Amino acid sequence: MTQEFNVEKIIDDLQKIMPFKDETREGDIVLIIADQLFYAVVTEINRDDSRRDEWWHVSFQLLTIPPRQVIWTLRAPQFSGQEVFTMGGEKRFIKAISWREQEEPPAPPPAPKPRKTPVRSLTRKSHLKVIK
């Protein structure tokens, strides 16, 4: 028995819990939704000069076991999570993850230690007189 893989529902659910970026660049880690969910690192993005419209060769290192290198030819809205697209009749979605939102804010610098005032020697006599 197979269940239908509802990409749109998965995207809606993930956008509530994942810190996604609006753009995708080389070096980004992306979440890919196909027939399963997996991560990949974008290793290269090159313009496809053979096409009149703007298409890009996007190279991914899939973080799967075993790891695989793939190159997909996509438009910018497809590899930046702005639209769901199909490949081989299967719906796909790619969106970069923002790690900065998941990191904790930097700790404040340590407070300066209070200066210790020198303790006067008790053996030394004071030159002040007590007046009553």
Protein backbone atom coordinates (compact mmCIF):
# COMPACT_ATOMS: atom_id res chain seq x y z
CA MET A 1 0.00 0.00 0.00
CA THR A 2 1.52 3.34 -1.05
CA GLN A 3 0.66 6.72 0.38
CA GLU A 4 0.61 9.80 -1.79
CA PHE A 5 3.49 12.17 -1.10
CA ASN A 6 1.80 15.59 -0.74
CA VAL A 7 4.64 18.03 -1.45
CA GLU A 8 2.54 21.15 -0.87
CA LYS A 9 1.43 19.96 2.59
CA ILE A 10 5.02 19.09 3.52
CA ILE A 11 6.19 22.54 2.39
CA ASP A 12 3.48 24.25 4.47
CA ASP A 13 4.44 22.24 7.55
CA LEU A 14 8.18 22.79 7.08
CA GLN A 15 7.86 26.55 6.63
CA LYS A 16 6.42 26.72 10.14
CA ILE A 17 9.48 25.07 11.73
CA MET A 18 12.45 25.54 9.37
CA PRO A 19 14.49 28.75 9.08
CA PHE A 20 14.55 29.06 5.29
CA LYS A 21 16.42 31.67 3.22
CA ASP A 22 14.96 33.57 0.28
CA GLU A 23 18.01 33.05 -1.94
CA THR A 24 20.23 30.09 -2.74
CA ARG A 25 23.97 30.51 -3.26
CA GLU A 26 27.01 28.31 -3.65
CA GLY A 27 27.92 26.76 -0.32
CA ASP A 28 24.34 26.79 1.01
CA ILE A 29 22.77 23.71 2.51
CA VAL A 30 19.38 23.10 0.94
CA LEU A 31 16.46 20.90 1.80
CA ILE A 32 15.21 18.93 -1.19
CA ILE A 33 11.77 17.40 -1.30
CA ALA A 34 11.34 14.72 -3.96
CA ASP A 35 10.08 11.22 -3.25
CA GLN A 36 11.75 11.74 0.14
CA LEU A 37 13.37 14.56 2.14
CA PHE A 38 17.13 15.02 2.11
CA TYR A 39 19.80 17.68 2.42
CA ALA A 40 22.39 18.74 -0.12
CA VAL A 41 25.20 21.26 -0.39
CA VAL A 42 25.12 23.58 -3.40
CA THR A 43 28.61 23.27 -4.85
CA GLU A 44 28.25 25.33 -8.02
CA ILE A 45 25.73 27.49 -9.90
CA ASN A 46 26.55 28.25 -13.56
CA ARG A 47 24.47 29.97 -16.25
CA ASP A 48 23.28 27.71 -19.06
CA ASP A 49 24.33 29.78 -22.06
CA SER A 50 22.72 27.37 -24.53
CA ARG A 51 19.25 28.63 -23.60
CA ARG A 52 17.69 31.96 -24.35
CA ASP A 53 15.86 32.18 -21.02
CA GLU A 54 17.71 32.20 -17.72
CA TRP A 55 18.43 28.61 -16.77
CA TRP A 56 21.19 27.51 -14.43
CA HIS A 57 23.26 24.34 -13.97
CA VAL A 58 23.06 23.77 -10.21
CA SER A 59 25.50 21.21 -8.80
CA PHE A 60 24.58 19.51 -5.55
CA GLN A 61 26.45 17.18 -3.25
CA LEU A 62 23.60 15.08 -1.87
CA LEU A 63 24.07 14.35 1.81
CA THR A 64 22.80 10.81 1.49
CA ILE A 65 24.34 7.40 2.02
CA PRO A 66 26.21 7.01 -0.19
CA PRO A 67 26.78 10.70 -1.00
CA ARG A 68 26.17 11.60 -4.64
CA GLN A 69 26.97 14.52 -6.90
CA VAL A 70 24.13 15.67 -9.19
CA ILE A 71 23.67 18.56 -11.59
CA TRP A 72 20.16 19.81 -12.33
CA THR A 73 19.29 22.51 -14.85
CA LEU A 74 16.82 24.83 -13.15
CA ARG A 75 15.46 28.34 -13.18
CA ALA A 76 16.20 30.60 -10.19
CA PRO A 77 12.64 30.36 -8.75
CA GLN A 78 13.00 26.57 -8.78
CA PHE A 79 16.28 26.33 -6.85
CA SER A 80 15.42 29.16 -4.44
CA GLY A 81 12.15 27.68 -3.15
CA GLN A 82 9.80 30.06 -4.94
CA GLU A 83 8.02 27.32 -6.85
CA VAL A 84 7.38 23.60 -6.90
CA PHE A 85 8.53 21.97 -10.14
CA THR A 86 8.48 18.51 -11.69
CA MET A 87 11.26 16.26 -12.92
CA GLY A 88 10.36 12.95 -14.52
CA GLY A 89 6.76 13.49 -13.48
CA GLU A 90 7.66 13.87 -9.77
CA LYS A 91 7.11 17.09 -7.86
CA ARG A 92 10.23 18.63 -6.35
CA PHE A 93 11.05 21.53 -4.09
CA ILE A 94 14.40 23.06 -3.09
CA LYS A 95 15.03 25.75 -0.49
CA ALA A 96 18.17 26.93 1.31
CA ILE A 97 18.35 26.79 5.09
CA SER A 98 19.43 29.75 7.19
CA TRP A 99 21.68 28.54 9.99
CA ARG A 100 22.03 32.01 11.54
CA GLU A 101 18.46 31.96 12.88
CA GLN A 102 19.13 28.68 14.66
CA GLU A 103 22.29 29.85 16.35
CA GLU A 104 22.06 31.34 19.79
CA PRO A 105 22.92 35.03 20.06
CA PRO A 106 26.49 35.66 21.14
CA ALA A 107 27.04 35.75 24.86
CA PRO A 108 27.57 39.23 26.30
CA PRO A 109 31.15 40.01 27.26
CA PRO A 110 32.00 39.20 30.86
CA ALA A 111 31.41 42.01 33.31
CA PRO A 112 34.60 43.73 34.44
CA LYS A 113 35.79 42.60 37.83
CA PRO A 114 35.41 45.23 40.53
CA ARG A 115 38.66 46.87 41.53
CA LYS A 116 39.88 46.04 44.91
CA THR A 117 40.87 49.05 46.97
CA PRO A 118 44.15 48.57 48.72
CA VAL A 119 43.78 47.64 52.37
CA ARG A 120 45.65 49.96 54.67
CA SER A 121 47.94 48.45 57.12
CA LEU A 122 46.52 48.37 60.60
CA THR A 123 49.91 48.90 62.11
CA ARG A 124 50.24 52.32 60.62
CA LYS A 125 49.00 55.15 62.83
CA SER A 126 46.50 57.58 61.52
CA HIS A 127 47.31 61.26 61.63
CA LEU A 128 43.68 62.17 62.17
CA LYS A 129 42.40 63.01 65.60
CA VAL A 130 39.01 61.99 66.83
CA ILE A 131 37.02 64.98 68.10
CA LYS A 132 34.06 64.43 70.36
